[in-house]
Each structure stands twice: as C-alpha cells, then as structure tokens.
Amino acid sequence: MINYTEKIPNNVDLGRDRVLQRALEHWQPAFLGWWYDMGPAESRNYDVYLRTAISVEPDGWAQFDYVKMPEYRWGVFLQPRDENRQVNFGTHKGQPAWQEVPGEYRSTLRRIIVTQGDTEPASVEQQKMLGLSCPSLYDLRNIFQVNVEEGRHLWAMVYLLHRYFGRDGREEAEALLARRSGDTDNPRILGAFNEPTPDWLAFYMFTFFTDRDGKFQLCALAESGFDPLARTCRFMLTEEAHHMFVGETGVSRIIQRTCEVMKENKVEDPADLRALGVIDLETIQKYLNFHYSVTLDLYGSDVSSNAANYFTSGLKGRFRETKLEDDHVLSGDQDGSGADGTERAAARRLHRRDCRRRPPLATSDRSSRHSLPPDPAAQRLSSRNWKLCRPVHQPRRRSTDRRGVEKA
C-alpha cells in the first residue's frame, strides 16, 4: 500500500482513512498513466524547478525545488475549518455549514464537482505539445507549473468524490481520466475545453481569459454551504492567481514587442511584421476575439435557472457573496417580481440583483475605450456600425449537452 503521508502532502488525515486509501490506491496509478499519456510531451525525465504545496500555512504552500514532473507530490489541502461557519445564502441561510453531503442535493452537488474537476485535466491535454516550441525557458517553466497545479486541482476534486460520494464518486473519478479534450466520442464536458491550443499565443489568451472564468467559478464555489468544497476551493485560489499572471504578462509581452518593431521599422502591414519575426496586431485581435467569445460561454446566460437553483439550495453562491449588501435569498417579493416559486422567476430575480450591484460605467476616455466590444476585423467601429454588424461579429452560441457534444 502507498504511504500517502509521504507521497501526498495533505491535511485531511489520509493516513488514517482506510476506505479512502483503498480508493486512491486504485486511482493513483490510473492518474499517472493519464499523465504519461496526456501530460506535457517528452518532459518526464527533466528536472524542473517547481513550486509544491506541502501545507496551507504561509510558509508551506510554496516550496520550490527541482523535481521530475511524474514524481511531483500532488497534495490534497483544505483551508482550516471554521467551526462557526454557516450557510450564507439561499433557503438554508443561517444554518451550520454542511460537513456531509445533504441527501436532497447529492446528485446536483456531484455534478458541480465533476464539472469543475473535468476542466483541470482538460487544460493539461490542450497544452500537451506546447513545451516542444517554448519561446524561452522562463515560459517553459511557467507552463509546467500551470500543468502540475491543474493536476493538483484534479486531485482536490477527486478527493471530494472519493471521500463523500461512495461508489458513484469513484466511478466519476475514473471518468475524469477517461474523457479527452477534443475527442469525438468522449469529449470533455465544457465546450471551451475541447478547443485546440496549438500555439503559445493561444495559451496566453487561454490563461488570460479562461482562467479568469476559472477564478470566478472557484470564488462562487468557495461560498458553498458544503464546507469541504468551500475550503478546497479557497486554497485552490492561491494557485489560480499565477495562471492568470502567466496569461496577462504573456499577452502584454507579445503586444509590446510588436509595437516596438512597428515603431522601430515604421511598418504596419501584417506581412511586413511577420517577416520581421513578430505577431501582427490583426492576428492578435482575432485570437482575442475567439478566446473572449469561448470564455463568455463558460459564464452561462444572464438568466440561468441552474444558477438560481444552485443559489437557492446554498450550493454555489455569487462572486464574493458575503461582501454583497442584500439579504442573500431569492424568496419573497422584495424585488417586485412576486414569489411564484418557478425556476424562471428565481433566475430573473438573481439576474436583477447582479445587475443592480454592478458599478456604473466610468465616463473617462480610458474606460470608454475598454468597454468597446471587440471587432473580429481588428477595426474600431462606431456604435451605429457595431449595431448593424453585431450579428456577424457575434456568432450564435453553440448548444451542447452535458458531455459537451453539440446539439443539432
């Protein structure tokens, strides 16, 4: 049997949970098999300087050392438990936070955890080949760090499935390793994680936009009334910030270098810029438009019955829920919409609250420029022309089933 105390840093007492040990003893070799098949290509024998979390303490969550990635110590960590924590929203507001899965929400909560967990190995699969064409050792180390942390986030979700969902959870954990990004027969659940990431500009746009949605989702789950999930996601957020940093700095470096070459050589033609070894602004704009649109789909629709149900049940809150100044419930007619009890009415009430709490758009020139929608032709359109062209520039969102397969 594997010595989990040594091989897997954790603060969930894995060493004493015999049932969980047996489950992980079966899953851990399967995970390593997946990593060898779908992890970073031709990298298994390299010593990489990586950050490893060994505890949730300030001096323990970022330990650096050289390690071969298949030998990386993927840990399982939850933020320390607050004995006084309560459910902070929905119909269960004010009740003690759940330490076990509520029976009436078992399938819904499992679905939430599986969907979140499915995104973690998917992004590793999307970025599998990028190490073979890295711009620098700095970028190579960054993508390796992102990859191993996505693997650790997968371990965090798999721990919850094994620990709290029994046989169903074990089957779902196995399925997380069976699906493949972009596979025709067994794709990842969310469409954005079936899109290819063929080059580094795509990777930077992915980490700039899609990981921003990842942070948003983790913040919402960190408000969950199911305390183990909330504590898990709060610790994951400490690592997610680095992924966004990689994307933001990567995109800014590319744009800065392009602008420097344009100024030095006094050229603007895309072909001339490519001949000088930089990425032209039109190409950057097209990549931005694509990843922006794909990421918008991850946020879902403005009026979402799923979001309203999750909120009402206390399973998934809003971004920084406890800092919002309202009553944190959707019942009653406070919003002037009545309390007809339908999912649609609850969704509309939740949407109105989100709109009501958004700050007004600043009127400065800088903010106005940033608020303009992107134009796939890389041109700045007037408001009137944008309204005329909008159906062309914003293609219809694809409708997919739970497996991510596009519906007819």
Protein backbone atom coordinates (compact mmCIF):
# COMPACT_ATOMS: atom_id res chain seq x y z
CA MET A 1 0.00 0.00 0.00
CA ILE A 2 1.16 3.52 -0.81
CA ASN A 3 2.40 5.63 2.08
CA TYR A 4 0.14 8.62 1.46
CA THR A 5 1.55 10.64 4.30
CA GLU A 6 4.89 10.82 2.45
CA LYS A 7 3.83 10.68 -1.20
CA ILE A 8 0.81 13.01 -1.00
CA PRO A 9 1.11 16.11 1.20
CA ASN A 10 -2.27 16.61 2.83
CA ASN A 11 -4.13 17.99 5.81
CA VAL A 12 -7.14 15.65 5.56
CA ASP A 13 -5.63 12.74 7.54
CA LEU A 14 -5.31 10.38 4.57
CA GLY A 15 -3.09 8.05 6.59
CA ARG A 16 -5.97 7.01 8.88
CA ASP A 17 -8.81 6.73 6.37
CA ARG A 18 -8.54 3.11 5.20
CA VAL A 19 -11.53 3.29 2.84
CA LEU A 20 -10.14 6.38 1.13
CA GLN A 21 -6.69 4.79 0.93
CA ARG A 22 -8.09 1.77 -0.93
CA ALA A 23 -9.93 4.04 -3.37
CA LEU A 24 -6.86 6.17 -4.04
CA GLU A 25 -4.63 3.10 -4.32
CA HIS A 26 -6.63 2.20 -7.41
CA TRP A 27 -6.97 5.74 -8.79
CA GLN A 28 -3.40 6.99 -8.30
CA PRO A 29 -1.77 4.59 -10.85
CA ALA A 30 -4.51 5.47 -13.34
CA PHE A 31 -3.72 9.15 -12.84
CA LEU A 32 -0.01 8.55 -13.51
CA GLY A 33 -0.93 6.59 -16.63
CA TRP A 34 -3.02 9.53 -17.79
CA TRP A 35 -0.14 11.94 -17.04
CA TYR A 36 2.33 9.85 -19.08
CA ASP A 37 -0.13 9.72 -21.98
CA MET A 38 -1.62 13.24 -21.90
CA GLY A 39 0.75 15.36 -19.80
CA PRO A 40 3.46 17.62 -21.25
CA ALA A 41 5.11 15.83 -24.16
CA GLU A 42 8.67 14.49 -23.82
CA SER A 43 9.15 16.05 -20.39
CA ARG A 44 9.02 13.16 -17.94
CA ASN A 45 12.80 12.88 -17.43
CA TYR A 46 13.55 16.58 -16.91
CA ASP A 47 14.31 18.09 -13.52
CA VAL A 48 12.05 21.14 -13.35
CA TYR A 49 12.19 23.88 -10.72
CA LEU A 50 8.61 23.79 -9.44
CA ARG A 51 6.53 25.12 -6.59
CA THR A 52 4.94 22.43 -4.42
CA ALA A 53 2.31 22.96 -1.75
CA ILE A 54 3.05 20.97 1.40
CA SER A 55 0.65 22.77 3.77
CA VAL A 56 -1.85 25.62 3.88
CA GLU A 57 0.38 27.74 6.09
CA PRO A 58 2.11 30.82 4.58
CA ASP A 59 5.50 29.10 4.73
CA GLY A 60 4.21 25.80 3.37
CA TRP A 61 2.08 26.38 0.30
CA ALA A 62 5.03 27.46 -1.90
CA GLN A 63 8.08 25.19 -1.53
CA PHE A 64 10.45 25.30 -4.52
CA ASP A 65 12.77 22.51 -5.64
CA TYR A 66 13.86 20.54 -8.71
CA VAL A 67 11.60 17.57 -9.40
CA LYS A 68 10.67 15.31 -12.29
CA MET A 69 7.02 16.01 -13.05
CA PRO A 70 5.76 12.39 -12.76
CA GLU A 71 7.28 12.42 -9.25
CA TYR A 72 5.60 15.68 -8.31
CA ARG A 73 3.83 15.46 -4.95
CA TRP A 74 0.25 16.34 -5.80
CA GLY A 75 -1.25 17.29 -2.48
CA VAL A 76 -4.78 17.45 -1.06
CA PHE A 77 -5.41 20.54 1.04
CA LEU A 78 -8.42 22.24 2.57
CA GLN A 79 -8.39 25.56 4.33
CA PRO A 80 -8.72 25.12 8.13
CA ARG A 81 -12.28 24.55 9.26
CA ASP A 82 -14.23 27.37 10.87
CA GLU A 83 -16.45 25.74 13.49
CA ASN A 84 -18.86 28.70 13.41
CA ARG A 85 -19.26 28.90 9.64
CA GLN A 86 -22.83 28.99 8.36
CA VAL A 87 -24.61 28.70 5.03
CA ASN A 88 -24.59 32.33 3.92
CA PHE A 89 -27.29 32.38 1.24
CA GLY A 90 -30.37 30.63 -0.10
CA THR A 91 -33.17 28.91 1.76
CA HIS A 92 -30.71 27.38 4.26
CA LYS A 93 -29.16 30.73 5.18
CA GLY A 94 -28.11 30.81 8.84
CA GLN A 95 -27.84 27.05 9.26
CA PRO A 96 -24.46 25.48 10.15
CA ALA A 97 -22.37 24.74 7.07
CA TRP A 98 -22.73 21.12 5.95
CA GLN A 99 -19.86 18.77 6.75
CA GLU A 100 -21.54 15.90 4.91
CA VAL A 101 -23.44 15.90 1.64
CA PRO A 102 -27.16 16.73 2.10
CA GLY A 103 -29.15 13.83 0.67
CA GLU A 104 -31.53 16.02 -1.33
CA TYR A 105 -28.63 17.75 -3.11
CA ARG A 106 -26.38 14.74 -3.62
CA SER A 107 -26.68 14.41 -7.41
CA THR A 108 -26.57 18.17 -8.00
CA LEU A 109 -23.50 18.64 -5.84
CA ARG A 110 -21.76 15.71 -7.52
CA ARG A 111 -22.48 17.28 -10.89
CA ILE A 112 -20.95 20.59 -9.78
CA ILE A 113 -17.77 18.91 -8.51
CA VAL A 114 -17.40 16.71 -11.60
CA THR A 115 -17.83 19.68 -13.95
CA GLN A 116 -15.18 21.67 -12.08
CA GLY A 117 -12.87 18.68 -11.86
CA ASP A 118 -13.21 17.95 -15.58
CA THR A 119 -11.70 21.30 -16.53
CA GLU A 120 -8.42 20.58 -14.74
CA PRO A 121 -7.07 17.63 -16.78
CA ALA A 122 -8.68 19.09 -19.92
CA SER A 123 -6.40 22.14 -19.92
CA VAL A 124 -3.33 19.92 -19.48
CA GLU A 125 -4.41 17.92 -22.52
CA GLN A 126 -4.97 21.08 -24.55
CA GLN A 127 -1.43 22.29 -23.78
CA LYS A 128 0.31 18.92 -24.20
CA MET A 129 2.56 19.84 -27.13
CA LEU A 130 3.45 23.44 -26.27
CA GLY A 131 6.64 22.61 -24.37
CA LEU A 132 8.24 21.49 -27.65
CA SER A 133 8.02 25.04 -29.04
CA CYS A 134 8.53 27.24 -25.97
CA PRO A 135 9.78 30.82 -26.58
CA SER A 136 12.11 30.66 -23.56
CA LEU A 137 13.00 28.60 -20.50
CA TYR A 138 11.00 31.11 -18.44
CA ASP A 139 7.86 30.29 -20.44
CA LEU A 140 8.59 26.56 -20.31
CA ARG A 141 8.82 26.59 -16.53
CA ASN A 142 5.63 28.64 -16.31
CA ILE A 143 3.60 26.20 -18.39
CA PHE A 144 4.98 23.23 -16.44
CA GLN A 145 3.98 24.97 -13.20
CA VAL A 146 0.48 25.58 -14.54
CA ASN A 147 0.22 21.94 -15.64
CA VAL A 148 1.20 20.38 -12.31
CA GLU A 149 -1.11 22.73 -10.43
CA GLU A 150 -4.01 21.79 -12.70
CA GLY A 151 -3.14 18.21 -11.79
CA ARG A 152 -3.27 19.10 -8.09
CA HIS A 153 -6.65 20.73 -8.57
CA LEU A 154 -7.85 17.50 -10.15
CA TRP A 155 -6.64 15.63 -7.05
CA ALA A 156 -8.60 18.06 -4.88
CA MET A 157 -11.87 17.35 -6.71
CA VAL A 158 -11.19 13.60 -6.82
CA TYR A 159 -10.65 13.60 -3.05
CA LEU A 160 -14.13 15.08 -2.57
CA LEU A 161 -15.66 12.50 -4.91
CA HIS A 162 -13.95 9.59 -3.17
CA ARG A 163 -14.50 10.86 0.35
CA TYR A 164 -18.15 11.95 0.15
CA PHE A 165 -19.86 10.16 -2.75
CA GLY A 166 -19.00 6.49 -2.34
CA ARG A 167 -19.24 4.22 -5.38
CA ASP A 168 -20.77 6.94 -7.58
CA GLY A 169 -17.86 9.22 -6.71
CA ARG A 170 -15.29 6.55 -7.56
CA GLU A 171 -16.90 5.98 -10.95
CA GLU A 172 -16.96 9.71 -11.67
CA ALA A 173 -13.27 9.98 -10.67
CA GLU A 174 -12.39 7.26 -13.16
CA ALA A 175 -14.42 9.02 -15.85
CA LEU A 176 -12.39 12.20 -15.31
CA LEU A 177 -9.35 10.30 -16.59
CA ALA A 178 -11.26 8.61 -19.43
CA ARG A 179 -12.54 11.71 -21.21
CA ARG A 180 -10.21 13.51 -23.62
CA SER A 181 -10.14 17.11 -24.77
CA GLY A 182 -11.48 17.35 -28.32
CA ASP A 183 -12.30 13.64 -28.57
CA THR A 184 -15.23 12.95 -30.87
CA ASP A 185 -16.67 10.07 -28.86
CA ASN A 186 -15.76 11.04 -25.29
CA PRO A 187 -15.07 14.79 -25.07
CA ARG A 188 -14.68 17.00 -22.04
CA ILE A 189 -17.90 18.33 -20.52
CA LEU A 190 -17.49 22.04 -21.39
CA GLY A 191 -17.01 23.16 -24.98
CA ALA A 192 -14.18 25.60 -24.21
CA PHE A 193 -12.04 22.69 -23.01
CA ASN A 194 -12.43 20.81 -26.28
CA GLU A 195 -10.93 23.63 -28.34
CA PRO A 196 -7.32 23.17 -29.51
CA THR A 197 -4.47 25.23 -28.06
CA PRO A 198 -1.99 24.91 -30.92
CA ASP A 199 0.47 27.69 -30.10
CA TRP A 200 1.70 29.99 -27.37
CA LEU A 201 -0.47 32.95 -28.29
CA ALA A 202 -3.50 30.68 -27.85
CA PHE A 203 -2.09 29.53 -24.49
CA TYR A 204 -1.62 33.09 -23.27
CA MET A 205 -5.14 34.02 -24.36
CA PHE A 206 -6.47 30.89 -22.65
CA THR A 207 -4.80 31.73 -19.35
CA PHE A 208 -5.75 35.39 -19.69
CA PHE A 209 -9.47 34.80 -20.35
CA THR A 210 -10.45 31.23 -19.50
CA ASP A 211 -8.54 31.11 -16.22
CA ARG A 212 -10.32 34.34 -15.31
CA ASP A 213 -13.58 32.42 -15.52
CA GLY A 214 -11.85 29.69 -13.50
CA LYS A 215 -11.21 32.16 -10.72
CA PHE A 216 -14.81 33.37 -10.89
CA GLN A 217 -16.14 29.82 -10.59
CA LEU A 218 -13.80 28.93 -7.73
CA CYS A 219 -14.85 32.07 -5.86
CA ALA A 220 -18.50 31.09 -6.30
CA LEU A 221 -17.82 27.53 -5.08
CA ALA A 222 -15.79 28.90 -2.16
CA GLU A 223 -19.09 30.32 -0.86
CA SER A 224 -20.79 26.90 -0.93
CA GLY A 225 -22.75 25.69 2.06
CA PHE A 226 -20.96 22.34 1.62
CA ASP A 227 -17.97 23.21 3.75
CA PRO A 228 -15.37 20.73 2.36
CA LEU A 229 -15.95 22.07 -1.16
CA ALA A 230 -15.71 25.69 0.03
CA ARG A 231 -12.49 25.05 1.93
CA THR A 232 -10.96 23.17 -1.03
CA CYS A 233 -11.70 25.98 -3.50
CA ARG A 234 -10.38 28.70 -1.19
CA PHE A 235 -6.99 27.03 -1.22
CA MET A 236 -7.09 26.45 -4.99
CA LEU A 237 -7.49 30.20 -5.47
CA THR A 238 -3.98 30.79 -4.10
CA GLU A 239 -2.62 28.93 -7.15
CA GLU A 240 -5.09 30.20 -9.74
CA ALA A 241 -3.68 33.72 -9.49
CA HIS A 242 -0.38 32.57 -11.00
CA HIS A 243 -2.18 31.11 -14.02
CA MET A 244 -3.82 34.46 -14.73
CA PHE A 245 -0.47 36.20 -14.26
CA VAL A 246 1.09 33.96 -16.92
CA GLY A 247 -1.64 34.90 -19.39
CA GLU A 248 -1.62 38.62 -18.66
CA THR A 249 2.15 39.01 -18.87
CA GLY A 250 2.36 36.74 -21.92
CA VAL A 251 -0.16 38.76 -23.91
CA SER A 252 1.39 42.07 -22.82
CA ARG A 253 4.90 40.93 -23.83
CA ILE A 254 3.70 39.93 -27.30
CA ILE A 255 1.87 43.22 -27.85
CA GLN A 256 4.77 45.26 -26.50
CA ARG A 257 7.29 43.58 -28.81
CA THR A 258 5.03 44.02 -31.83
CA CYS A 259 4.58 47.71 -31.10
CA GLU A 260 8.33 48.17 -30.61
CA VAL A 261 9.04 46.63 -34.01
CA MET A 262 6.32 48.72 -35.65
CA LYS A 263 7.85 51.89 -34.21
CA GLU A 264 11.46 50.99 -34.96
CA ASN A 265 10.80 49.99 -38.57
CA LYS A 266 7.84 52.28 -39.26
CA VAL A 267 5.73 49.45 -40.69
CA GLU A 268 2.14 48.42 -40.10
CA ASP A 269 1.46 45.88 -42.83
CA PRO A 270 0.87 42.43 -41.30
CA ALA A 271 3.05 40.68 -43.87
CA ASP A 272 5.95 43.03 -43.15
CA LEU A 273 5.60 42.50 -39.41
CA ARG A 274 5.58 38.73 -39.79
CA ALA A 275 8.71 38.95 -41.91
CA LEU A 276 10.34 40.82 -39.02
CA GLY A 277 9.52 37.95 -36.66
CA VAL A 278 6.62 39.36 -34.61
CA ILE A 279 2.88 38.73 -34.49
CA ASP A 280 0.83 41.40 -36.23
CA LEU A 281 -1.95 43.16 -34.33
CA GLU A 282 -4.68 41.79 -36.62
CA THR A 283 -3.74 38.23 -35.72
CA ILE A 284 -3.62 39.10 -32.02
CA GLN A 285 -7.09 40.64 -32.30
CA LYS A 286 -8.50 37.52 -33.95
CA TYR A 287 -7.10 35.29 -31.20
CA LEU A 288 -8.54 37.66 -28.60
CA ASN A 289 -11.99 37.61 -30.21
CA PHE A 290 -12.07 33.83 -30.28
CA HIS A 291 -10.99 33.23 -26.69
CA TYR A 292 -13.15 36.06 -25.39
CA SER A 293 -16.22 34.53 -27.05
CA VAL A 294 -15.44 30.99 -25.91
CA THR A 295 -14.90 32.17 -22.34
CA LEU A 296 -18.18 34.10 -22.33
CA ASP A 297 -19.97 30.81 -22.94
CA LEU A 298 -18.48 29.46 -19.69
CA TYR A 299 -20.27 32.15 -17.68
CA GLY A 300 -23.62 30.92 -18.97
CA SER A 301 -26.67 33.02 -19.78
CA ASP A 302 -27.69 36.15 -17.90
CA VAL A 303 -30.92 34.49 -16.74
CA SER A 304 -29.95 30.98 -15.63
CA SER A 305 -32.29 28.57 -13.85
CA ASN A 306 -29.27 26.41 -12.90
CA ALA A 307 -27.55 29.34 -11.20
CA ALA A 308 -30.77 30.25 -9.40
CA ASN A 309 -31.28 26.66 -8.23
CA TYR A 310 -27.68 26.36 -7.01
CA PHE A 311 -28.04 29.67 -5.19
CA THR A 312 -31.37 28.84 -3.59
CA SER A 313 -30.05 25.45 -2.47
CA GLY A 314 -26.95 27.02 -0.90
CA LEU A 315 -24.59 25.03 -3.14
CA LYS A 316 -22.98 27.82 -5.18
CA GLY A 317 -23.00 31.50 -4.34
CA ARG A 318 -22.18 34.65 -6.20
CA PHE A 319 -18.71 36.12 -6.53
CA ARG A 320 -17.71 37.27 -3.02
CA GLU A 321 -21.19 36.55 -1.75
CA THR A 322 -20.56 37.53 1.87
CA LYS A 323 -19.44 41.03 0.81
CA LEU A 324 -22.67 41.81 -1.03
CA GLU A 325 -25.19 44.04 0.70
CA ASP A 326 -28.54 42.28 0.32
CA ASP A 327 -30.50 39.59 2.15
CA HIS A 328 -28.82 36.72 0.19
CA VAL A 329 -32.12 34.94 -0.53
CA LEU A 330 -34.44 34.83 -3.56
CA SER A 331 -37.75 34.16 -1.83
CA GLY A 332 -40.44 36.78 -1.25
CA ASP A 333 -41.35 39.74 -3.42
CA GLN A 334 -38.59 42.12 -2.39
CA ASP A 335 -37.51 42.51 -5.99
CA GLY A 336 -41.02 43.37 -7.14
CA SER A 337 -41.33 40.13 -9.11
CA GLY A 338 -43.56 38.18 -6.77
CA ALA A 339 -42.79 34.77 -5.35
CA ASP A 340 -44.39 32.38 -7.81
CA GLY A 341 -41.87 29.67 -6.94
CA THR A 342 -40.85 28.95 -10.53
CA GLU A 343 -37.23 28.44 -11.58
CA ARG A 344 -37.55 31.16 -14.20
CA ALA A 345 -38.73 33.73 -11.67
CA ALA A 346 -35.85 32.88 -9.33
CA ALA A 347 -33.41 33.21 -12.23
CA ARG A 348 -34.80 36.62 -13.13
CA ARG A 349 -34.52 37.81 -9.53
CA LEU A 350 -30.90 36.65 -9.31
CA HIS A 351 -30.07 38.39 -12.59
CA ARG A 352 -31.66 41.66 -11.43
CA ARG A 353 -29.63 41.59 -8.24
CA ASP A 354 -26.40 41.06 -10.14
CA CYS A 355 -27.21 43.96 -12.47
CA ARG A 356 -28.19 46.18 -9.56
CA ARG A 357 -24.90 45.72 -7.72
CA ARG A 358 -22.66 46.35 -10.73
CA PRO A 359 -20.88 49.73 -10.55
CA PRO A 360 -21.85 52.30 -13.17
CA LEU A 361 -19.59 52.58 -16.21
CA ALA A 362 -16.98 55.27 -15.77
CA THR A 363 -17.15 58.13 -18.21
CA SER A 364 -13.42 58.64 -18.75
CA ASP A 365 -12.00 58.12 -22.23
CA ARG A 366 -9.88 55.20 -20.96
CA SER A 367 -12.86 53.32 -19.52
CA SER A 368 -14.94 54.03 -22.61
CA ARG A 369 -12.29 52.54 -24.87
CA HIS A 370 -12.04 49.43 -22.73
CA SER A 371 -15.81 48.97 -22.77
CA LEU A 372 -15.99 48.72 -26.58
CA PRO A 373 -16.75 45.20 -27.83
CA PRO A 374 -14.01 43.51 -29.85
CA ASP A 375 -14.15 43.62 -33.63
CA PRO A 376 -13.00 40.48 -35.49
CA ALA A 377 -11.78 42.60 -38.40
CA ALA A 378 -9.41 44.36 -35.97
CA GLN A 379 -11.06 47.72 -36.69
CA ARG A 380 -12.66 50.19 -34.31
CA LEU A 381 -16.33 50.55 -35.28
CA SER A 382 -18.70 53.36 -34.45
CA SER A 383 -21.62 52.50 -32.17
CA ARG A 384 -24.03 52.70 -35.12
CA ASN A 385 -21.96 50.41 -37.35
CA TRP A 386 -21.41 47.99 -34.50
CA LYS A 387 -25.19 47.56 -34.05
CA LEU A 388 -25.52 46.86 -37.77
CA CYS A 389 -22.65 44.34 -37.81
CA ARG A 390 -23.19 42.73 -34.42
CA PRO A 391 -24.99 39.58 -35.70
CA VAL A 392 -21.98 38.90 -37.95
CA HIS A 393 -19.32 39.58 -35.31
CA GLN A 394 -21.01 37.60 -32.55
CA PRO A 395 -21.87 34.14 -33.92
CA ARG A 396 -24.67 32.10 -32.42
CA ARG A 397 -23.60 30.27 -29.27
CA ARG A 398 -23.45 26.54 -29.66
CA SER A 399 -25.87 24.42 -27.67
CA THR A 400 -24.24 21.37 -26.11
CA ASP A 401 -25.39 18.51 -23.96
CA ARG A 402 -23.79 17.56 -20.61
CA ARG A 403 -20.94 15.75 -22.39
CA GLY A 404 -20.09 18.83 -24.43
CA VAL A 405 -21.48 17.35 -27.70
CA GLU A 406 -23.03 19.99 -29.93
CA LYS A 407 -26.76 19.61 -30.43
CA ALA A 408 -28.30 19.83 -33.85
